[in-house]
Protein backbone atom coordinates (compact mmCIF):
# COMPACT_ATOMS: atom_id res chain seq x y z
CA MET A 1 -10.34 -18.22 122.44
CA LYS A 2 -7.16 -19.74 120.56
CA THR A 3 -4.16 -20.22 123.07
CA HIS A 4 -2.69 -22.96 121.66
CA ILE A 5 -0.84 -23.46 117.95
CA LEU A 6 -0.05 -26.40 117.05
CA PHE A 7 2.45 -26.51 113.82
CA ASP A 8 3.49 -29.40 111.52
CA PHE A 9 7.12 -28.53 110.42
CA ASP A 10 8.45 -30.02 106.98
CA GLY A 11 6.83 -27.60 104.32
CA THR A 12 5.29 -25.17 107.13
CA LEU A 13 8.20 -23.76 109.44
CA VAL A 14 11.22 -25.52 107.67
CA ASP A 15 12.24 -26.09 104.07
CA SER A 16 13.74 -29.23 103.97
CA ALA A 17 12.89 -30.38 100.61
CA PRO A 18 16.32 -29.87 99.39
CA ALA A 19 17.95 -32.19 101.97
CA ILE A 20 15.74 -34.76 101.95
CA LEU A 21 15.56 -35.17 98.09
CA ALA A 22 19.25 -35.11 97.89
CA CYS A 23 19.02 -37.62 100.48
CA PHE A 24 16.76 -39.71 98.32
CA SER A 25 18.67 -40.22 95.72
CA ARG A 26 22.10 -40.84 97.51
CA VAL A 27 20.16 -43.71 99.12
CA LEU A 28 19.11 -45.18 95.50
CA GLN A 29 22.78 -44.83 93.87
CA ALA A 30 23.86 -46.55 97.25
CA HIS A 31 21.40 -49.55 96.49
CA GLY A 32 22.18 -49.78 92.73
CA LEU A 33 18.63 -48.49 92.02
CA THR A 34 16.87 -45.74 90.00
CA ALA A 35 13.71 -43.87 90.74
CA CYS A 36 10.63 -44.68 89.55
CA ARG A 37 9.42 -41.24 89.39
CA VAL A 38 10.57 -37.63 89.65
CA ILE A 39 12.48 -37.14 92.71
CA GLU A 40 10.56 -33.73 93.10
CA ALA A 41 8.81 -31.66 96.53
CA SER A 42 5.56 -33.53 96.38
CA LEU A 43 7.37 -36.54 97.96
CA ILE A 44 7.68 -34.46 101.07
CA GLY A 45 5.54 -35.58 103.72
CA PRO A 46 4.67 -39.18 103.93
CA PRO A 47 6.33 -41.53 106.12
CA LEU A 48 9.64 -42.34 105.01
CA ARG A 49 9.11 -46.13 104.45
CA GLN A 50 5.60 -44.76 101.99
CA THR A 51 8.20 -42.68 99.98
CA LEU A 52 11.12 -45.06 99.42
CA ALA A 53 8.35 -48.06 98.17
CA THR A 54 7.23 -45.35 96.09
CA LEU A 55 10.53 -44.00 94.55
CA SER A 56 12.11 -47.66 94.49
CA GLY A 57 8.82 -49.51 92.73
CA GLN A 58 9.98 -52.30 95.65
CA SER A 59 7.83 -54.31 98.34
CA ASP A 60 10.44 -56.22 99.31
CA PRO A 61 10.29 -55.41 103.64
CA ALA A 62 14.33 -56.33 103.85
CA LEU A 63 14.92 -54.48 101.08
CA LEU A 64 12.49 -51.00 102.04
CA ASP A 65 14.43 -51.61 105.91
CA ALA A 66 18.05 -51.57 104.61
CA LEU A 67 16.70 -47.88 102.31
CA SER A 68 15.26 -46.53 105.48
CA ALA A 69 18.53 -47.23 107.55
CA SER A 70 20.48 -45.77 104.93
CA PHE A 71 18.30 -42.70 104.33
CA LYS A 72 18.74 -42.32 108.66
CA ASP A 73 22.51 -42.86 108.31
CA ILE A 74 22.63 -39.84 105.66
CA TYR A 75 20.21 -37.69 106.76
CA ASP A 76 20.51 -37.78 110.55
CA THR A 77 24.60 -37.40 110.72
CA GLN A 78 24.06 -34.53 108.08
CA ALA A 79 22.28 -33.61 105.87
CA CYS A 80 19.20 -32.20 108.14
CA LEU A 81 21.55 -29.66 109.84
CA GLU A 82 21.55 -27.49 106.35
CA THR A 83 17.36 -27.68 106.77
CA PRO A 84 16.58 -23.47 107.04
CA ALA A 85 13.48 -21.96 108.39
CA TYR A 86 11.35 -20.16 105.85
CA SER A 87 11.56 -17.01 105.45
CA GLY A 88 9.94 -15.04 108.50
CA CYS A 89 9.17 -18.27 110.81
CA GLN A 90 11.49 -17.22 113.54
CA ALA A 91 10.33 -13.53 114.46
CA SER A 92 6.66 -14.67 114.28
CA LEU A 93 7.28 -17.36 116.30
CA GLU A 94 8.99 -15.73 118.81
CA ARG A 95 6.38 -12.53 118.54
CA LEU A 96 3.59 -15.61 119.30
CA ARG A 97 5.30 -16.95 122.65
CA GLU A 98 5.56 -13.07 123.98
CA LEU A 99 2.17 -12.84 122.75
CA GLY A 100 0.95 -16.09 125.57
CA PHE A 101 0.58 -18.20 122.67
CA THR A 102 1.61 -21.85 123.75
CA LEU A 103 3.54 -23.43 120.75
CA ALA A 104 3.63 -27.02 119.28
CA ILE A 105 5.00 -29.32 117.03
CA ALA A 106 3.23 -32.57 115.36
CA THR A 107 4.90 -33.71 112.58
CA ASN A 108 5.27 -37.24 110.18
CA LYS A 109 9.17 -36.21 110.33
CA ARG A 110 11.49 -38.67 112.92
CA LEU A 111 11.94 -37.33 116.08
CA LEU A 112 15.78 -37.51 116.08
CA PRO A 113 16.16 -35.40 113.44
CA THR A 114 13.09 -32.33 113.72
CA ARG A 115 15.20 -32.00 117.56
CA LYS A 116 18.35 -31.58 115.47
CA ILE A 117 16.79 -28.83 113.23
CA ILE A 118 15.35 -27.45 116.02
CA ALA A 119 18.54 -27.24 117.95
CA ALA A 120 20.76 -26.23 115.25
CA LEU A 121 17.75 -22.97 114.53
CA GLY A 122 17.81 -22.08 117.80
CA TRP A 123 13.98 -22.75 118.43
CA GLU A 124 14.66 -25.01 121.63
CA GLY A 125 13.00 -22.71 123.91
CA LEU A 126 9.74 -21.93 121.72
CA PHE A 127 7.93 -25.40 121.72
CA ALA A 128 6.31 -26.77 124.32
CA GLU A 129 5.87 -30.56 122.76
CA VAL A 130 7.18 -31.91 120.16
CA PHE A 131 5.76 -34.62 118.75
CA ALA A 132 6.77 -36.74 115.85
CA SER A 133 6.02 -39.88 113.93
CA ASP A 134 7.91 -41.96 116.10
CA SER A 135 7.70 -40.35 119.83
CA TYR A 136 4.94 -42.73 120.81
CA PRO A 137 4.61 -45.68 117.91
CA GLU A 138 2.32 -47.49 120.45
CA ARG A 139 -0.06 -44.77 120.78
CA TYR A 140 -0.69 -43.64 117.41
CA THR A 141 -0.15 -44.88 113.43
CA ASP A 142 -0.91 -41.70 111.68
CA LYS A 143 -1.24 -37.75 112.12
CA ALA A 144 -4.95 -37.69 113.40
CA GLY A 145 -3.44 -39.77 116.27
CA MET A 146 -0.32 -38.03 116.70
CA ILE A 147 -2.70 -34.70 117.40
CA ALA A 148 -4.88 -36.34 119.93
CA ALA A 149 -2.14 -37.70 121.93
CA LEU A 150 -0.71 -34.08 121.97
CA LEU A 151 -4.01 -32.59 122.62
CA HIS A 152 -4.63 -35.45 125.74
CA ASP A 153 -0.86 -35.30 127.51
CA ALA A 154 -0.65 -31.18 127.20
CA ALA A 155 -4.95 -30.97 128.47
CA ILE A 156 -5.28 -29.11 125.16
CA ALA A 157 -9.16 -28.29 124.76
CA PRO A 158 -9.40 -29.01 120.79
CA GLN A 159 -11.68 -25.88 120.80
CA ALA A 160 -8.31 -23.92 122.31
CA ALA A 161 -5.94 -24.55 119.58
CA ILE A 162 -4.78 -24.17 115.77
CA TYR A 163 -3.15 -26.55 113.67
CA VAL A 164 -1.07 -25.02 110.97
CA GLY A 165 0.17 -27.02 108.21
CA ASP A 166 0.92 -27.18 104.30
CA THR A 167 -1.17 -30.18 102.91
CA GLU A 168 -4.67 -31.29 102.88
CA GLN A 169 -3.93 -34.57 105.32
CA ASP A 170 -3.06 -32.21 107.95
CA GLY A 171 -6.30 -30.26 107.09
CA ARG A 172 -7.79 -33.87 107.56
CA ALA A 173 -5.89 -34.96 110.53
CA ALA A 174 -6.83 -31.68 112.26
CA ALA A 175 -10.43 -32.03 111.55
CA ALA A 176 -10.34 -35.40 113.14
CA ASN A 177 -9.64 -34.15 116.15
CA ALA A 178 -12.33 -30.96 116.37
CA VAL A 179 -9.28 -28.81 115.75
CA ASP A 180 -9.43 -25.53 113.42
CA PHE A 181 -7.05 -26.08 110.74
CA TRP A 182 -5.18 -23.04 109.05
CA PRO A 183 -3.16 -23.96 105.81
CA VAL A 184 -0.04 -22.24 104.51
CA ALA A 185 0.54 -21.61 100.58
CA TRP A 186 4.40 -21.49 101.17
CA GLY A 187 5.17 -25.52 101.82
CA TYR A 188 4.33 -28.25 99.69
CA GLY A 189 0.95 -29.14 99.89
CA ARG A 190 -2.40 -27.52 97.42
CA PHE A 191 -5.51 -26.94 98.59
CA ALA A 192 -8.75 -26.44 96.99
CA SER A 193 -9.82 -23.10 95.28
CA GLN A 194 -12.03 -22.07 97.76
CA GLU A 195 -9.70 -22.32 100.80
CA GLN A 196 -7.60 -19.33 101.66
CA PRO A 197 -4.26 -20.34 103.09
CA LEU A 198 -2.01 -17.63 104.59
CA HIS A 199 1.19 -16.43 102.48
CA SER A 200 3.40 -15.25 104.93
CA PRO A 201 4.30 -16.11 108.76
CA GLN A 202 3.39 -12.73 109.26
CA GLN A 203 0.33 -12.59 108.03
CA LEU A 204 -0.41 -15.95 110.64
CA LEU A 205 0.65 -13.26 113.39
CA GLU A 206 -1.11 -11.04 112.13
CA ARG A 207 -4.21 -12.86 111.77
CA LEU A 208 -3.97 -14.18 115.16
CA VAL A 209 -3.53 -11.35 116.87
CA SER A 210 -6.58 -9.92 115.37
CA ALA A 211 -8.87 -13.28 116.08
């Protein structure tokens, strides 16, 4: 029986792309750099430093440090607060809680903006755990390790959990922990044709209730 629903955040619960992509443009402009590729939604998901290296075409650690600091300043102070939830997510999350499911987040986003967005949306009472990329830097370096740490700390058996996410990387991280993965179609990722992603938060709710 599934009792714990673990969620990715960007592209799964919230549409963070517009604010994040605007920040990438502003950061590059502030440092006199031109993007090496189109700034679009497929950039959402990987760790920040990796994406900045890809966009800038630079590998100098000092420059990447400066770009990362600029991004965090711009994003954390204002842009993150403009992040909307996907339509239907709040109602489905609240209903899942009412039905007795325990909800948690495991995201490659940093903890500060994740918690700011959760607070801005009024979701602070919905999630038992929020694990972000920098929550426990000494314990994990990727999402597979993050999910493992979350399962351990919350004493969740893998067979009792589902991980809901929008990318194939999310699926691999769940599989590495023997956790069932339910992909969603409304985010930033794409899935193989044989996979059947969920097409709305309501469908997620209905599938869980009928499982």
